[in-house]
């Protein structure tokens, strides 16, 4: 059974313990649905099978420097929370260690050899949104194409 992280502090501990290089978050129905023989996502526009699972990297970029890891992880969750609504019922985020093999049509990492680490609870998403909102930026928001329409 996959454990669940219930706050950003716990996610930060997981991030620090695992090392950030190959950690990703995936928004789906979970490892049981994703990690079959194919381990493949589909391009939403064309339906083409992709050579791995689409995921979002949690890797902290060097330019972030010594800033808050908690804020870094909060924004990585906040960026893609709209995928839960887009992909339907039972979709939730989970953290995995994996190997990137390509980039998808939105320049997202496509990963294989996924090893599930933890579910991310809704409480973490609410905490991430509060933390992002506290930054007070009017120039920044989620990466949701629907918002541009």
N, C-alpha and C. Protein backbone atom coordinates (compact mmCIF):
# COMPACT_ATOMS: atom_id res chain seq x y z
N UNK A 1 0.84 -1.19 0.00
CA UNK A 1 0.00 0.00 0.00
C UNK A 1 0.88 1.24 0.00
N UNK A 2 0.55 2.17 -0.86
CA UNK A 2 1.31 3.40 -1.02
C UNK A 2 0.99 4.38 0.11
N UNK A 3 2.01 4.91 0.80
CA UNK A 3 1.73 5.89 1.85
C UNK A 3 1.21 7.20 1.25
N UNK A 4 0.65 8.04 2.10
CA UNK A 4 0.13 9.33 1.67
C UNK A 4 0.82 10.44 2.45
N UNK A 5 1.35 11.44 1.73
CA UNK A 5 1.88 12.62 2.42
C UNK A 5 0.70 13.54 2.69
N UNK A 6 0.66 14.10 3.90
CA UNK A 6 -0.52 14.86 4.32
C UNK A 6 -0.27 16.34 4.53
N UNK A 7 0.99 16.78 4.38
CA UNK A 7 1.27 18.22 4.42
C UNK A 7 2.57 18.49 3.67
N UNK A 8 2.82 19.76 3.41
CA UNK A 8 4.02 20.13 2.64
C UNK A 8 5.30 19.80 3.39
N UNK A 9 5.26 19.83 4.72
CA UNK A 9 6.45 19.48 5.49
C UNK A 9 6.83 18.02 5.23
N UNK A 10 5.83 17.16 5.20
CA UNK A 10 6.08 15.74 4.93
C UNK A 10 6.58 15.52 3.50
N UNK A 11 6.02 16.25 2.54
CA UNK A 11 6.48 16.16 1.16
C UNK A 11 7.92 16.67 1.05
N UNK A 12 8.23 17.72 1.77
CA UNK A 12 9.60 18.26 1.79
C UNK A 12 10.57 17.23 2.35
N UNK A 13 10.18 16.54 3.42
CA UNK A 13 11.05 15.50 3.99
C UNK A 13 11.28 14.38 2.97
N UNK A 14 10.24 13.96 2.28
CA UNK A 14 10.38 12.93 1.25
C UNK A 14 11.33 13.39 0.16
N UNK A 15 11.16 14.62 -0.27
CA UNK A 15 12.01 15.22 -1.30
C UNK A 15 13.47 15.22 -0.86
N UNK A 16 13.72 15.63 0.37
CA UNK A 16 15.10 15.69 0.87
C UNK A 16 15.68 14.29 1.07
N UNK A 17 14.89 13.35 1.53
CA UNK A 17 15.37 11.98 1.75
C UNK A 17 15.67 11.27 0.45
N UNK A 18 14.84 11.47 -0.54
CA UNK A 18 14.98 10.76 -1.82
C UNK A 18 15.98 11.44 -2.75
N UNK A 19 16.30 12.69 -2.51
CA UNK A 19 17.13 13.43 -3.46
C UNK A 19 16.23 13.86 -4.61
N UNK A 20 16.37 15.08 -5.06
CA UNK A 20 15.36 15.63 -5.96
C UNK A 20 15.56 15.31 -7.43
N UNK A 21 16.68 14.74 -7.82
CA UNK A 21 17.01 14.60 -9.24
C UNK A 21 16.03 13.86 -10.10
N UNK A 22 15.49 12.76 -9.63
CA UNK A 22 14.61 11.94 -10.46
C UNK A 22 13.22 11.80 -9.86
N UNK A 23 12.77 12.80 -9.14
CA UNK A 23 11.44 12.77 -8.54
C UNK A 23 10.45 13.54 -9.42
N UNK A 24 9.27 12.96 -9.52
CA UNK A 24 8.22 13.53 -10.36
C UNK A 24 6.89 13.44 -9.62
N UNK A 25 5.93 14.24 -10.09
CA UNK A 25 4.55 14.09 -9.64
C UNK A 25 3.74 13.78 -10.89
N UNK A 26 2.84 12.85 -10.74
CA UNK A 26 1.96 12.46 -11.85
C UNK A 26 0.52 12.57 -11.37
N UNK A 27 -0.32 13.11 -12.24
CA UNK A 27 -1.74 13.27 -11.96
C UNK A 27 -2.48 12.19 -12.74
N UNK A 28 -2.96 11.17 -12.03
CA UNK A 28 -3.63 10.06 -12.70
C UNK A 28 -4.48 9.29 -11.69
N UNK A 29 -4.97 8.15 -12.12
CA UNK A 29 -5.72 7.27 -11.22
C UNK A 29 -4.78 6.42 -10.37
N UNK A 30 -3.48 6.58 -10.58
CA UNK A 30 -2.50 5.96 -9.70
C UNK A 30 -1.64 4.91 -10.35
N UNK A 31 -0.68 4.42 -9.58
CA UNK A 31 0.28 3.44 -10.09
C UNK A 31 -0.38 2.17 -10.63
N UNK A 32 -1.42 1.70 -9.97
CA UNK A 32 -2.07 0.47 -10.44
C UNK A 32 -2.61 0.64 -11.86
N UNK A 33 -3.12 1.82 -12.17
CA UNK A 33 -3.66 2.09 -13.50
C UNK A 33 -2.55 2.39 -14.52
N UNK A 34 -1.44 2.94 -14.06
CA UNK A 34 -0.40 3.43 -14.97
C UNK A 34 0.74 2.47 -15.25
N UNK A 35 1.03 1.60 -14.32
CA UNK A 35 2.27 0.84 -14.41
C UNK A 35 2.08 -0.58 -14.93
N UNK A 36 1.29 -0.71 -15.95
CA UNK A 36 1.12 -2.01 -16.60
C UNK A 36 2.23 -2.22 -17.62
N UNK A 37 1.97 -3.05 -18.58
CA UNK A 37 2.96 -3.41 -19.59
C UNK A 37 3.38 -2.21 -20.44
N UNK A 38 2.46 -1.28 -20.69
CA UNK A 38 2.77 -0.19 -21.62
C UNK A 38 3.49 0.99 -21.01
N UNK A 39 3.17 1.37 -19.80
CA UNK A 39 3.76 2.55 -19.16
C UNK A 39 3.82 3.71 -20.15
N UNK A 40 2.66 4.08 -20.68
CA UNK A 40 2.59 5.07 -21.75
C UNK A 40 1.43 6.03 -21.53
N UNK A 41 1.65 7.28 -21.89
CA UNK A 41 0.60 8.28 -21.91
C UNK A 41 0.20 8.53 -23.36
N UNK A 42 -0.85 9.30 -23.54
CA UNK A 42 -1.29 9.66 -24.90
C UNK A 42 -1.31 11.17 -25.03
N UNK A 43 -0.97 11.64 -26.21
CA UNK A 43 -1.06 13.06 -26.52
C UNK A 43 -2.55 13.43 -26.57
N UNK A 44 -2.93 14.43 -25.79
CA UNK A 44 -4.33 14.83 -25.72
C UNK A 44 -4.89 15.39 -27.02
N UNK A 45 -4.06 15.96 -27.86
CA UNK A 45 -4.53 16.55 -29.10
C UNK A 45 -4.69 15.51 -30.20
N UNK A 46 -3.72 14.63 -30.37
CA UNK A 46 -3.72 13.69 -31.50
C UNK A 46 -4.04 12.25 -31.11
N UNK A 47 -3.93 11.92 -29.83
CA UNK A 47 -4.16 10.55 -29.39
C UNK A 47 -2.96 9.63 -29.58
N UNK A 48 -1.85 10.17 -30.06
CA UNK A 48 -0.65 9.37 -30.29
C UNK A 48 -0.12 8.84 -28.96
N UNK A 49 0.27 7.55 -28.96
CA UNK A 49 0.89 6.96 -27.77
C UNK A 49 2.29 7.55 -27.60
N UNK A 50 2.59 7.97 -26.39
CA UNK A 50 3.90 8.56 -26.08
C UNK A 50 4.80 7.46 -25.50
N UNK A 51 6.11 7.63 -25.60
CA UNK A 51 7.04 6.57 -25.17
C UNK A 51 7.25 6.46 -23.67
N UNK A 52 6.43 7.08 -22.88
CA UNK A 52 6.54 7.00 -21.43
C UNK A 52 5.34 7.67 -20.79
N UNK A 53 5.34 7.73 -19.48
CA UNK A 53 4.28 8.41 -18.74
C UNK A 53 4.60 9.90 -18.64
N UNK A 54 3.62 10.73 -18.91
CA UNK A 54 3.84 12.16 -18.71
C UNK A 54 3.82 12.44 -17.21
N UNK A 55 4.75 13.25 -16.79
CA UNK A 55 4.89 13.58 -15.37
C UNK A 55 5.47 14.98 -15.28
N UNK A 56 5.46 15.53 -14.10
CA UNK A 56 6.02 16.86 -13.87
C UNK A 56 7.17 16.73 -12.90
N UNK A 57 8.29 17.27 -13.28
CA UNK A 57 9.50 17.15 -12.47
C UNK A 57 9.38 17.96 -11.18
N UNK A 58 9.90 17.38 -10.12
CA UNK A 58 10.02 18.11 -8.86
C UNK A 58 11.44 18.63 -8.66
N UNK A 59 12.31 18.37 -9.62
CA UNK A 59 13.71 18.78 -9.52
C UNK A 59 13.81 20.27 -9.24
N UNK A 60 14.58 20.59 -8.23
CA UNK A 60 14.84 21.99 -7.90
C UNK A 60 15.93 22.50 -8.83
N UNK A 61 15.63 23.56 -9.53
CA UNK A 61 16.59 24.13 -10.48
C UNK A 61 17.66 24.94 -9.74
N UNK A 62 18.88 24.95 -10.28
CA UNK A 62 19.98 25.67 -9.62
C UNK A 62 19.68 27.15 -9.37
N UNK A 63 18.93 27.79 -10.26
CA UNK A 63 18.64 29.22 -10.08
C UNK A 63 17.77 29.48 -8.86
N UNK A 64 17.08 28.44 -8.35
CA UNK A 64 16.25 28.60 -7.16
C UNK A 64 17.10 28.87 -5.93
N UNK A 65 18.36 28.42 -5.98
CA UNK A 65 19.29 28.68 -4.89
C UNK A 65 18.82 28.08 -3.57
N UNK A 66 19.03 28.82 -2.50
CA UNK A 66 18.69 28.35 -1.16
C UNK A 66 17.28 28.72 -0.72
N UNK A 67 16.45 29.11 -1.67
CA UNK A 67 15.08 29.47 -1.31
C UNK A 67 14.32 28.26 -0.76
N UNK A 68 13.16 28.49 -0.27
CA UNK A 68 12.32 27.48 0.39
C UNK A 68 11.98 26.30 -0.53
N UNK A 69 12.35 25.11 -0.09
CA UNK A 69 11.97 23.89 -0.81
C UNK A 69 10.45 23.72 -0.73
N UNK A 70 9.90 24.07 0.40
CA UNK A 70 8.45 23.97 0.60
C UNK A 70 7.70 24.79 -0.45
N UNK A 71 8.16 26.02 -0.70
CA UNK A 71 7.53 26.87 -1.71
C UNK A 71 7.75 26.28 -3.11
N UNK A 72 8.93 25.75 -3.38
CA UNK A 72 9.22 25.13 -4.68
C UNK A 72 8.21 24.00 -4.94
N UNK A 73 8.04 23.12 -3.96
CA UNK A 73 7.13 21.99 -4.13
C UNK A 73 5.69 22.46 -4.24
N UNK A 74 5.33 23.49 -3.48
CA UNK A 74 3.98 24.04 -3.55
C UNK A 74 3.66 24.54 -4.95
N UNK A 75 4.58 25.25 -5.55
CA UNK A 75 4.31 25.78 -6.89
C UNK A 75 4.27 24.67 -7.92
N UNK A 76 5.06 23.60 -7.75
CA UNK A 76 5.04 22.48 -8.69
C UNK A 76 3.69 21.76 -8.64
N UNK A 77 3.10 21.66 -7.46
CA UNK A 77 1.78 21.07 -7.34
C UNK A 77 0.71 22.02 -7.90
N UNK A 78 0.81 23.27 -7.54
CA UNK A 78 -0.16 24.28 -7.95
C UNK A 78 -0.21 24.42 -9.47
N UNK A 79 0.97 24.34 -10.11
CA UNK A 79 1.05 24.51 -11.57
C UNK A 79 0.12 23.58 -12.33
N UNK A 80 -0.05 22.37 -11.82
CA UNK A 80 -0.75 21.34 -12.59
C UNK A 80 -1.99 20.78 -11.91
N UNK A 81 -2.48 21.44 -10.88
CA UNK A 81 -3.65 20.91 -10.17
C UNK A 81 -4.87 20.81 -11.08
N UNK A 82 -4.95 21.63 -12.11
CA UNK A 82 -6.08 21.58 -13.04
C UNK A 82 -6.20 20.23 -13.75
N UNK A 83 -5.11 19.45 -13.78
CA UNK A 83 -5.17 18.15 -14.45
C UNK A 83 -6.15 17.20 -13.78
N UNK A 84 -6.35 17.38 -12.49
CA UNK A 84 -7.32 16.54 -11.78
C UNK A 84 -8.71 16.73 -12.37
N UNK A 85 -9.11 17.96 -12.61
CA UNK A 85 -10.42 18.23 -13.18
C UNK A 85 -10.50 17.78 -14.64
N UNK A 86 -9.44 18.00 -15.38
CA UNK A 86 -9.41 17.66 -16.80
C UNK A 86 -9.47 16.17 -17.04
N UNK A 87 -8.82 15.39 -16.21
CA UNK A 87 -8.69 13.95 -16.46
C UNK A 87 -9.78 13.10 -15.81
N UNK A 88 -10.66 13.71 -15.06
CA UNK A 88 -11.82 12.99 -14.57
C UNK A 88 -11.73 12.47 -13.15
N UNK A 89 -12.79 11.76 -12.75
CA UNK A 89 -12.89 11.29 -11.37
C UNK A 89 -11.75 10.35 -11.00
N UNK A 90 -11.44 10.35 -9.74
CA UNK A 90 -10.40 9.48 -9.16
C UNK A 90 -8.98 9.85 -9.56
N UNK A 91 -8.79 10.98 -10.22
CA UNK A 91 -7.43 11.42 -10.57
C UNK A 91 -6.87 12.21 -9.39
N UNK A 92 -5.66 11.84 -9.00
CA UNK A 92 -5.00 12.53 -7.89
C UNK A 92 -3.49 12.47 -8.11
N UNK A 93 -2.76 13.33 -7.44
CA UNK A 93 -1.31 13.35 -7.63
C UNK A 93 -0.61 12.27 -6.80
N UNK A 94 0.46 11.75 -7.37
CA UNK A 94 1.32 10.82 -6.65
C UNK A 94 2.76 11.09 -7.05
N UNK A 95 3.65 10.86 -6.10
CA UNK A 95 5.07 11.12 -6.29
C UNK A 95 5.76 9.82 -6.69
N UNK A 96 6.67 9.92 -7.63
CA UNK A 96 7.39 8.76 -8.11
C UNK A 96 8.84 9.10 -8.41
N UNK A 97 9.66 8.08 -8.36
CA UNK A 97 11.03 8.18 -8.84
C UNK A 97 11.00 7.48 -10.19
N UNK A 98 11.62 8.08 -11.21
CA UNK A 98 11.58 7.51 -12.55
C UNK A 98 12.75 8.03 -13.37
N UNK A 99 12.86 7.49 -14.56
CA UNK A 99 13.92 7.89 -15.48
C UNK A 99 13.29 8.58 -16.69
N UNK A 100 13.72 9.81 -16.96
CA UNK A 100 13.20 10.56 -18.11
C UNK A 100 13.84 10.02 -19.39
N UNK A 101 12.98 9.76 -20.40
CA UNK A 101 13.52 9.27 -21.67
C UNK A 101 13.21 10.18 -22.85
N UNK A 102 12.26 11.09 -22.67
CA UNK A 102 11.88 11.98 -23.77
C UNK A 102 11.08 13.14 -23.19
N UNK A 103 10.64 14.01 -24.09
CA UNK A 103 9.75 15.11 -23.73
C UNK A 103 8.48 14.99 -24.53
N UNK A 104 7.36 15.32 -23.88
CA UNK A 104 6.06 15.25 -24.53
C UNK A 104 5.75 16.52 -25.30
N UNK A 105 4.56 16.60 -25.88
CA UNK A 105 4.19 17.74 -26.71
C UNK A 105 4.10 19.06 -25.96
N UNK A 106 3.96 19.04 -24.66
CA UNK A 106 3.96 20.26 -23.86
C UNK A 106 5.31 20.45 -23.16
N UNK A 107 6.31 19.77 -23.67
CA UNK A 107 7.67 19.79 -23.12
C UNK A 107 7.74 19.17 -21.73
N UNK A 108 6.75 18.36 -21.38
CA UNK A 108 6.76 17.69 -20.09
C UNK A 108 7.64 16.44 -20.18
N UNK A 109 8.26 16.07 -19.07
CA UNK A 109 9.05 14.84 -19.07
C UNK A 109 8.17 13.62 -19.33
N UNK A 110 8.70 12.70 -20.11
CA UNK A 110 8.10 11.38 -20.28
C UNK A 110 9.03 10.40 -19.59
N UNK A 111 8.48 9.62 -18.66
CA UNK A 111 9.31 8.81 -17.79
C UNK A 111 8.96 7.33 -17.90
N UNK A 112 9.96 6.50 -17.58
CA UNK A 112 9.80 5.05 -17.51
C UNK A 112 10.46 4.56 -16.23
N UNK A 113 10.33 3.27 -15.98
CA UNK A 113 10.91 2.65 -14.78
C UNK A 113 10.42 3.35 -13.51
N UNK A 114 9.15 3.65 -13.48
CA UNK A 114 8.56 4.40 -12.37
C UNK A 114 8.49 3.54 -11.11
N UNK A 115 8.87 4.17 -10.00
CA UNK A 115 8.75 3.56 -8.68
C UNK A 115 7.90 4.49 -7.82
N UNK A 116 6.66 4.10 -7.53
CA UNK A 116 5.77 4.96 -6.73
C UNK A 116 6.32 5.15 -5.32
N UNK A 117 6.21 6.39 -4.82
CA UNK A 117 6.68 6.70 -3.48
C UNK A 117 5.55 7.09 -2.53
N UNK A 118 4.60 7.89 -3.00
CA UNK A 118 3.53 8.35 -2.11
C UNK A 118 2.41 9.03 -2.88
N UNK A 119 1.21 8.90 -2.34
CA UNK A 119 0.10 9.74 -2.79
C UNK A 119 0.28 11.12 -2.18
N UNK A 120 -0.36 12.12 -2.78
CA UNK A 120 -0.39 13.47 -2.22
C UNK A 120 -1.83 13.78 -1.84
N UNK A 121 -2.06 14.01 -0.56
CA UNK A 121 -3.41 14.26 -0.05
C UNK A 121 -3.94 15.63 -0.49
N UNK A 122 -5.25 15.75 -0.52
CA UNK A 122 -5.89 17.02 -0.87
C UNK A 122 -5.46 18.15 0.06
N UNK A 123 -5.21 17.82 1.33
CA UNK A 123 -4.76 18.85 2.28
C UNK A 123 -3.47 19.50 1.81
N UNK A 124 -2.60 18.72 1.18
CA UNK A 124 -1.33 19.26 0.67
C UNK A 124 -1.61 20.25 -0.47
N UNK A 125 -2.57 19.91 -1.31
CA UNK A 125 -2.92 20.80 -2.42
C UNK A 125 -3.50 22.11 -1.91
N UNK A 126 -4.33 22.04 -0.87
CA UNK A 126 -4.89 23.27 -0.29
C UNK A 126 -3.78 24.11 0.35
N UNK A 127 -2.86 23.44 1.05
CA UNK A 127 -1.74 24.15 1.66
C UNK A 127 -0.86 24.79 0.59
N UNK A 128 -0.64 24.08 -0.51
CA UNK A 128 0.17 24.62 -1.61
C UNK A 128 -0.50 25.86 -2.20
N UNK A 129 -1.80 25.80 -2.39
CA UNK A 129 -2.50 26.95 -2.95
C UNK A 129 -2.41 28.16 -2.01
N UNK A 130 -2.58 27.93 -0.72
CA UNK A 130 -2.46 29.04 0.25
C UNK A 130 -1.07 29.66 0.18
N UNK A 131 -0.04 28.82 0.15
CA UNK A 131 1.33 29.32 0.12
C UNK A 131 1.61 30.11 -1.15
N UNK A 132 1.14 29.62 -2.27
CA UNK A 132 1.31 30.34 -3.53
C UNK A 132 0.54 31.66 -3.49
N UNK A 133 -0.68 31.63 -3.03
CA UNK A 133 -1.49 32.86 -2.94
C UNK A 133 -0.83 33.90 -2.03
N UNK A 134 -0.17 33.44 -0.96
CA UNK A 134 0.51 34.36 -0.04
C UNK A 134 1.65 35.13 -0.71
N UNK A 135 2.13 34.65 -1.84
CA UNK A 135 3.22 35.33 -2.53
C UNK A 135 2.75 36.63 -3.18
N UNK A 136 1.44 36.74 -3.41
CA UNK A 136 0.85 37.99 -3.91
C UNK A 136 1.23 38.37 -5.33
N UNK A 137 1.57 37.42 -6.17
CA UNK A 137 1.94 37.73 -7.55
C UNK A 137 0.70 37.77 -8.43
N UNK A 138 0.51 38.89 -9.11
CA UNK A 138 -0.60 39.00 -10.05
C UNK A 138 -0.19 38.52 -11.44
N UNK A 139 1.09 38.23 -11.64
CA UNK A 139 1.60 37.83 -12.95
C UNK A 139 1.78 36.33 -13.07
N UNK A 140 1.33 35.56 -12.10
CA UNK A 140 1.64 34.15 -12.09
C UNK A 140 0.41 33.35 -11.74
N UNK A 141 0.25 32.19 -12.38
CA UNK A 141 -0.89 31.33 -12.09
C UNK A 141 -0.66 29.94 -12.63
N UNK A 142 -1.67 29.06 -12.53
CA UNK A 142 -1.51 27.68 -12.97
C UNK A 142 -1.34 27.58 -14.48
N UNK A 143 -0.80 26.46 -14.91
CA UNK A 143 -0.56 26.24 -16.34
C UNK A 143 -1.76 25.54 -16.96
N UNK A 144 -2.88 26.22 -16.94
CA UNK A 144 -4.14 25.66 -17.38
C UNK A 144 -4.53 26.33 -18.69
N UNK A 145 -4.54 25.58 -19.78
CA UNK A 145 -4.90 26.15 -21.08
C UNK A 145 -6.31 26.71 -21.09
N UNK A 146 -7.19 26.10 -20.32
CA UNK A 146 -8.60 26.55 -20.32
C UNK A 146 -8.70 27.99 -19.85
N UNK A 147 -7.81 28.44 -18.99
CA UNK A 147 -7.87 29.80 -18.45
C UNK A 147 -7.60 30.85 -19.52
N UNK A 148 -6.94 30.46 -20.60
CA UNK A 148 -6.58 31.42 -21.66
C UNK A 148 -7.73 31.68 -22.62
N UNK A 149 -8.78 30.93 -22.51
CA UNK A 149 -9.90 31.08 -23.46
C UNK A 149 -10.82 32.19 -23.10
